[in-house]
Amino acid sequence: MKLSLARCYFAGNIGITIFNVRAGYADHINGHGLIWPLIATIVFLRQYKRLGHLKESIASMDHATVKEASGLCKQLFKSKLKQSPDIAQTTSKRFRLRLMSDSVLCVRRNLATAFSLNRTDFQQCILNADKKCLRVVVRHPLGRLNYAFDKKSSEKIKNWLGSTTVTTA
């Protein structure tokens, strides 16, 4: 059975605790020292199980394609926001969207998440299209991703969607 990194981390902490007890340094050892490693292990395993079905897909991806996609995502964050009518940024400045003809590319600054949604799926993610500042909630394999946009970016999105096609989710 293959041990994951989190399991090894937790097992290592238990091993060090046992080693300290046998060496006679048991007076300051209690269960509180194992709480954070246990929490980290649980969180890691939960995320690992959620993404387990993607393992084969990721392994079969072409390295050149991944490198090209990474370059496109980095280029998106190098683009000037004010000069590009097809780029919207969240208020936290961690996420950017490229508004393409029939889909939208969503990218996180550290490239932890990058995905594409077609126009109708993106419309359904908008919570209230009547507000000046839009909020978008996307159900992603990593969980719910919340995007809040300022007034300028919200106007770009509304113009991209078209005033007659905007629906609330």
C-alpha atoms as a PDB file:
ATOM      1  CA  MET A   1       0.000   0.000   0.000  1.00  0.00           C
ATOM      2  CA  LYS A   2       1.372   3.348  -1.051  1.00  0.00           C
ATOM      3  CA  LEU A   3       1.585   5.967   1.711  1.00  0.00           C
ATOM      4  CA  SER A   4       0.726   9.533   0.832  1.00  0.00           C
ATOM      5  CA  LEU A   5       2.782  12.502   1.900  1.00  0.00           C
ATOM      6  CA  ALA A   6       0.320  13.461   4.640  1.00  0.00           C
ATOM      7  CA  ARG A   7       0.292   9.956   6.072  1.00  0.00           C
ATOM      8  CA  CYS A   8       4.101   9.920   6.121  1.00  0.00           C
ATOM      9  CA  TYR A   9       4.130  13.298   7.856  1.00  0.00           C
ATOM     10  CA  PHE A  10       1.713  12.111  10.526  1.00  0.00           C
ATOM     11  CA  ALA A  11       3.544   8.784  10.952  1.00  0.00           C
ATOM     12  CA  GLY A  12       6.842  10.681  11.264  1.00  0.00           C
ATOM     13  CA  ASN A  13       5.439  12.854  14.040  1.00  0.00           C
ATOM     14  CA  ILE A  14       4.189   9.793  15.906  1.00  0.00           C
ATOM     15  CA  GLY A  15       7.585   8.119  15.428  1.00  0.00           C
ATOM     16  CA  ILE A  16       9.440  11.124  16.821  1.00  0.00           C
ATOM     17  CA  THR A  17       7.059  11.242  19.787  1.00  0.00           C
ATOM     18  CA  ILE A  18       7.680   7.549  20.518  1.00  0.00           C
ATOM     19  CA  PHE A  19      11.442   8.083  20.179  1.00  0.00           C
ATOM     20  CA  ASN A  20      11.297  10.993  22.668  1.00  0.00           C
ATOM     21  CA  VAL A  21       9.265   8.945  25.163  1.00  0.00           C
ATOM     22  CA  ARG A  22      11.776   6.069  25.014  1.00  0.00           C
ATOM     23  CA  ALA A  23      14.683   8.487  25.423  1.00  0.00           C
ATOM     24  CA  GLY A  24      13.173   9.786  28.655  1.00  0.00           C
ATOM     25  CA  TYR A  25      11.811  13.111  27.457  1.00  0.00           C
ATOM     26  CA  ALA A  26       8.195  12.251  28.223  1.00  0.00           C
ATOM     27  CA  ASP A  27       7.556  15.024  30.748  1.00  0.00           C
ATOM     28  CA  HIS A  28       6.567  17.614  28.103  1.00  0.00           C
ATOM     29  CA  ILE A  29       4.855  15.278  25.620  1.00  0.00           C
ATOM     30  CA  ASN A  30       1.087  15.292  25.408  1.00  0.00           C
ATOM     31  CA  GLY A  31      -1.575  14.694  22.787  1.00  0.00           C
ATOM     32  CA  HIS A  32      -1.745  18.357  21.777  1.00  0.00           C
ATOM     33  CA  GLY A  33       1.412  18.024  19.670  1.00  0.00           C
ATOM     34  CA  LEU A  34      -0.319  15.537  17.392  1.00  0.00           C
ATOM     35  CA  ILE A  35      -3.493  17.563  16.779  1.00  0.00           C
ATOM     36  CA  TRP A  36      -2.143  19.802  13.972  1.00  0.00           C
ATOM     37  CA  PRO A  37      -0.478  16.944  12.074  1.00  0.00           C
ATOM     38  CA  LEU A  38      -3.722  14.975  12.363  1.00  0.00           C
ATOM     39  CA  ILE A  39      -5.747  17.904  11.011  1.00  0.00           C
ATOM     40  CA  ALA A  40      -3.281  18.373   8.145  1.00  0.00           C
ATOM     41  CA  THR A  41      -3.513  14.673   7.320  1.00  0.00           C
ATOM     42  CA  ILE A  42      -7.303  14.726   7.288  1.00  0.00           C
ATOM     43  CA  VAL A  43      -7.468  17.811   5.049  1.00  0.00           C
ATOM     44  CA  PHE A  44      -4.882  16.415   2.641  1.00  0.00           C
ATOM     45  CA  LEU A  45      -6.585  13.020   2.389  1.00  0.00           C
ATOM     46  CA  ARG A  46      -9.961  14.666   1.805  1.00  0.00           C
ATOM     47  CA  GLN A  47      -8.573  16.705  -1.100  1.00  0.00           C
ATOM     48  CA  TYR A  48      -6.671  13.676  -2.411  1.00  0.00           C
ATOM     49  CA  LYS A  49      -9.860  11.577  -2.466  1.00  0.00           C
ATOM     50  CA  ARG A  50     -11.785  14.353  -4.228  1.00  0.00           C
ATOM     51  CA  LEU A  51      -9.234  14.550  -7.016  1.00  0.00           C
ATOM     52  CA  GLY A  52      -8.393  10.847  -7.226  1.00  0.00           C
ATOM     53  CA  HIS A  53     -10.488  10.342 -10.356  1.00  0.00           C
ATOM     54  CA  LEU A  54      -8.350  12.902 -12.198  1.00  0.00           C
ATOM     55  CA  LYS A  55      -5.104  10.988 -11.666  1.00  0.00           C
ATOM     56  CA  GLU A  56      -5.237   9.120 -14.986  1.00  0.00           C
ATOM     57  CA  SER A  57      -6.295  12.226 -16.885  1.00  0.00           C
ATOM     58  CA  ILE A  58      -3.409  14.231 -15.504  1.00  0.00           C
ATOM     59  CA  ALA A  59      -0.903  11.457 -16.210  1.00  0.00           C
ATOM     60  CA  SER A  60      -2.038  11.192 -19.830  1.00  0.00           C
ATOM     61  CA  MET A  61      -1.707  14.942 -20.554  1.00  0.00           C
ATOM     62  CA  ASP A  62       1.006  16.039 -22.938  1.00  0.00           C
ATOM     63  CA  HIS A  63       3.759  18.013 -21.173  1.00  0.00           C
ATOM     64  CA  ALA A  64       3.996  20.505 -24.049  1.00  0.00           C
ATOM     65  CA  THR A  65       0.268  21.237 -23.818  1.00  0.00           C
ATOM     66  CA  VAL A  66       0.516  21.840 -20.074  1.00  0.00           C
ATOM     67  CA  LYS A  67       3.488  24.155 -20.584  1.00  0.00           C
ATOM     68  CA  GLU A  68       1.646  26.092 -23.300  1.00  0.00           C
ATOM     69  CA  ALA A  69      -1.444  26.461 -21.090  1.00  0.00           C
ATOM     70  CA  SER A  70       0.716  27.650 -18.202  1.00  0.00           C
ATOM     71  CA  GLY A  71       2.271  30.260 -20.473  1.00  0.00           C
ATOM     72  CA  LEU A  72      -1.162  31.502 -21.570  1.00  0.00           C
ATOM     73  CA  CYS A  73      -2.266  31.808 -17.943  1.00  0.00           C
ATOM     74  CA  LYS A  74       0.861  33.771 -17.013  1.00  0.00           C
ATOM     75  CA  GLN A  75       0.356  36.024 -20.028  1.00  0.00           C
ATOM     76  CA  LEU A  76      -3.182  36.748 -18.819  1.00  0.00           C
ATOM     77  CA  PHE A  77      -1.811  38.244 -15.595  1.00  0.00           C
ATOM     78  CA  LYS A  78       0.839  40.239 -17.452  1.00  0.00           C
ATOM     79  CA  SER A  79      -1.816  41.900 -19.627  1.00  0.00           C
ATOM     80  CA  LYS A  80      -2.875  45.450 -18.794  1.00  0.00           C
ATOM     81  CA  LEU A  81      -6.329  45.320 -17.250  1.00  0.00           C
ATOM     82  CA  LYS A  82      -7.435  48.812 -18.319  1.00  0.00           C
ATOM     83  CA  GLN A  83      -6.389  48.309 -21.943  1.00  0.00           C
ATOM     84  CA  SER A  84      -8.090  44.931 -22.368  1.00  0.00           C
ATOM     85  CA  PRO A  85     -11.881  44.910 -22.698  1.00  0.00           C
ATOM     86  CA  ASP A  86     -11.906  41.100 -22.600  1.00  0.00           C
ATOM     87  CA  ILE A  87     -10.144  40.683 -19.223  1.00  0.00           C
ATOM     88  CA  ALA A  88     -11.945  40.966 -15.873  1.00  0.00           C
ATOM     89  CA  GLN A  89     -10.322  40.769 -12.447  1.00  0.00           C
ATOM     90  CA  THR A  90     -11.780  39.990  -9.039  1.00  0.00           C
ATOM     91  CA  THR A  91     -11.628  42.503  -6.218  1.00  0.00           C
ATOM     92  CA  SER A  92      -9.046  40.333  -4.423  1.00  0.00           C
ATOM     93  CA  LYS A  93      -6.795  40.531  -7.545  1.00  0.00           C
ATOM     94  CA  ARG A  94      -6.123  36.799  -7.215  1.00  0.00           C
ATOM     95  CA  PHE A  95      -8.314  35.720 -10.132  1.00  0.00           C
ATOM     96  CA  ARG A  96      -8.673  36.896 -13.707  1.00  0.00           C
ATOM     97  CA  LEU A  97     -11.119  35.968 -16.423  1.00  0.00           C
ATOM     98  CA  ARG A  98     -10.541  36.114 -20.159  1.00  0.00           C
ATOM     99  CA  LEU A  99     -13.864  36.640 -21.877  1.00  0.00           C
ATOM    100  CA  MET A 100     -13.678  34.781 -25.196  1.00  0.00           C
ATOM    101  CA  SER A 101     -16.310  34.508 -27.920  1.00  0.00           C
ATOM    102  CA  ASP A 102     -18.266  31.558 -26.481  1.00  0.00           C
ATOM    103  CA  SER A 103     -16.470  30.722 -23.228  1.00  0.00           C
ATOM    104  CA  VAL A 104     -14.603  32.226 -20.302  1.00  0.00           C
ATOM    105  CA  LEU A 105     -11.167  31.185 -18.993  1.00  0.00           C
ATOM    106  CA  CYS A 106     -10.833  31.487 -15.201  1.00  0.00           C
ATOM    107  CA  VAL A 107      -7.280  31.574 -13.805  1.00  0.00           C
ATOM    108  CA  ARG A 108      -5.882  31.972 -10.302  1.00  0.00           C
ATOM    109  CA  ARG A 109      -2.719  34.051  -9.933  1.00  0.00           C
ATOM    110  CA  ASN A 110      -0.620  31.198  -8.519  1.00  0.00           C
ATOM    111  CA  LEU A 111      -1.990  28.861 -11.253  1.00  0.00           C
ATOM    112  CA  ALA A 112      -3.510  26.545  -8.638  1.00  0.00           C
ATOM    113  CA  THR A 113      -6.791  26.565 -10.554  1.00  0.00           C
ATOM    114  CA  ALA A 114      -7.445  27.273 -14.197  1.00  0.00           C
ATOM    115  CA  PHE A 115     -10.577  26.153 -16.001  1.00  0.00           C
ATOM    116  CA  SER A 116     -12.939  27.138 -18.761  1.00  0.00           C
ATOM    117  CA  LEU A 117     -16.722  27.541 -18.741  1.00  0.00           C
ATOM    118  CA  ASN A 118     -19.031  28.053 -21.672  1.00  0.00           C
ATOM    119  CA  ARG A 119     -21.237  31.147 -21.751  1.00  0.00           C
ATOM    120  CA  THR A 120     -24.436  29.504 -20.475  1.00  0.00           C
ATOM    121  CA  ASP A 121     -22.695  27.718 -17.581  1.00  0.00           C
ATOM    122  CA  PHE A 122     -21.008  30.975 -16.583  1.00  0.00           C
ATOM    123  CA  GLN A 123     -24.364  32.782 -16.659  1.00  0.00           C
ATOM    124  CA  GLN A 124     -25.828  30.236 -14.267  1.00  0.00           C
ATOM    125  CA  CYS A 125     -22.994  30.863 -11.804  1.00  0.00           C
ATOM    126  CA  ILE A 126     -23.867  34.559 -11.437  1.00  0.00           C
ATOM    127  CA  LEU A 127     -25.797  35.058  -8.207  1.00  0.00           C
ATOM    128  CA  ASN A 128     -27.573  38.344  -8.942  1.00  0.00           C
ATOM    129  CA  ALA A 129     -27.056  39.929 -12.360  1.00  0.00           C
ATOM    130  CA  ASP A 130     -28.980  43.075 -11.416  1.00  0.00           C
ATOM    131  CA  LYS A 131     -26.377  44.320  -8.926  1.00  0.00           C
ATOM    132  CA  LYS A 132     -23.627  46.749  -9.904  1.00  0.00           C
ATOM    133  CA  CYS A 133     -20.919  44.440  -8.537  1.00  0.00           C
ATOM    134  CA  LEU A 134     -21.319  40.828  -9.627  1.00  0.00           C
ATOM    135  CA  ARG A 135     -20.668  37.742  -7.510  1.00  0.00           C
ATOM    136  CA  VAL A 136     -19.983  34.448  -9.244  1.00  0.00           C
ATOM    137  CA  VAL A 137     -20.013  31.072  -7.467  1.00  0.00           C
ATOM    138  CA  VAL A 138     -18.544  28.115  -9.378  1.00  0.00           C
ATOM    139  CA  ARG A 139     -18.883  24.507  -8.235  1.00  0.00           C
ATOM    140  CA  HIS A 140     -15.442  23.060  -8.890  1.00  0.00           C
ATOM    141  CA  PRO A 141     -13.937  19.653  -7.996  1.00  0.00           C
ATOM    142  CA  LEU A 142     -11.903  21.502  -5.361  1.00  0.00           C
ATOM    143  CA  GLY A 143     -15.069  22.960  -3.855  1.00  0.00           C
ATOM    144  CA  ARG A 144     -17.010  26.171  -4.290  1.00  0.00           C
ATOM    145  CA  LEU A 145     -15.048  29.033  -5.806  1.00  0.00           C
ATOM    146  CA  ASN A 146     -16.387  32.509  -5.033  1.00  0.00           C
ATOM    147  CA  TYR A 147     -15.541  35.459  -7.253  1.00  0.00           C
ATOM    148  CA  ALA A 148     -16.465  39.046  -6.391  1.00  0.00           C
ATOM    149  CA  PHE A 149     -15.976  41.711  -9.060  1.00  0.00           C
ATOM    150  CA  ASP A 150     -15.755  45.470  -8.832  1.00  0.00           C
ATOM    151  CA  LYS A 151     -17.959  47.801 -10.861  1.00  0.00           C
ATOM    152  CA  LYS A 152     -15.661  48.057 -13.921  1.00  0.00           C
ATOM    153  CA  SER A 153     -15.101  44.312 -14.233  1.00  0.00           C
ATOM    154  CA  SER A 154     -18.792  43.676 -13.679  1.00  0.00           C
ATOM    155  CA  GLU A 155     -19.612  46.004 -16.568  1.00  0.00           C
ATOM    156  CA  LYS A 156     -17.164  44.132 -18.800  1.00  0.00           C
ATOM    157  CA  ILE A 157     -18.847  40.839 -17.914  1.00  0.00           C
ATOM    158  CA  LYS A 158     -22.345  42.224 -18.441  1.00  0.00           C
ATOM    159  CA  ASN A 159     -21.340  43.651 -21.831  1.00  0.00           C
ATOM    160  CA  TRP A 160     -19.802  40.306 -22.780  1.00  0.00           C
ATOM    161  CA  LEU A 161     -22.940  38.434 -21.811  1.00  0.00           C
ATOM    162  CA  GLY A 162     -25.207  40.943 -23.539  1.00  0.00           C
ATOM    163  CA  SER A 163     -27.918  42.817 -21.704  1.00  0.00           C
ATOM    164  CA  THR A 164     -30.760  40.609 -23.021  1.00  0.00           C
ATOM    165  CA  THR A 165     -29.111  37.270 -22.257  1.00  0.00           C
ATOM    166  CA  VAL A 166     -28.259  37.885 -18.587  1.00  0.00           C
ATOM    167  CA  THR A 167     -30.222  35.609 -16.257  1.00  0.00           C
ATOM    168  CA  THR A 168     -29.979  35.179 -12.517  1.00  0.00           C
ATOM    169  CA  ALA A 169     -29.080  31.895 -10.913  1.00  0.00           C
END
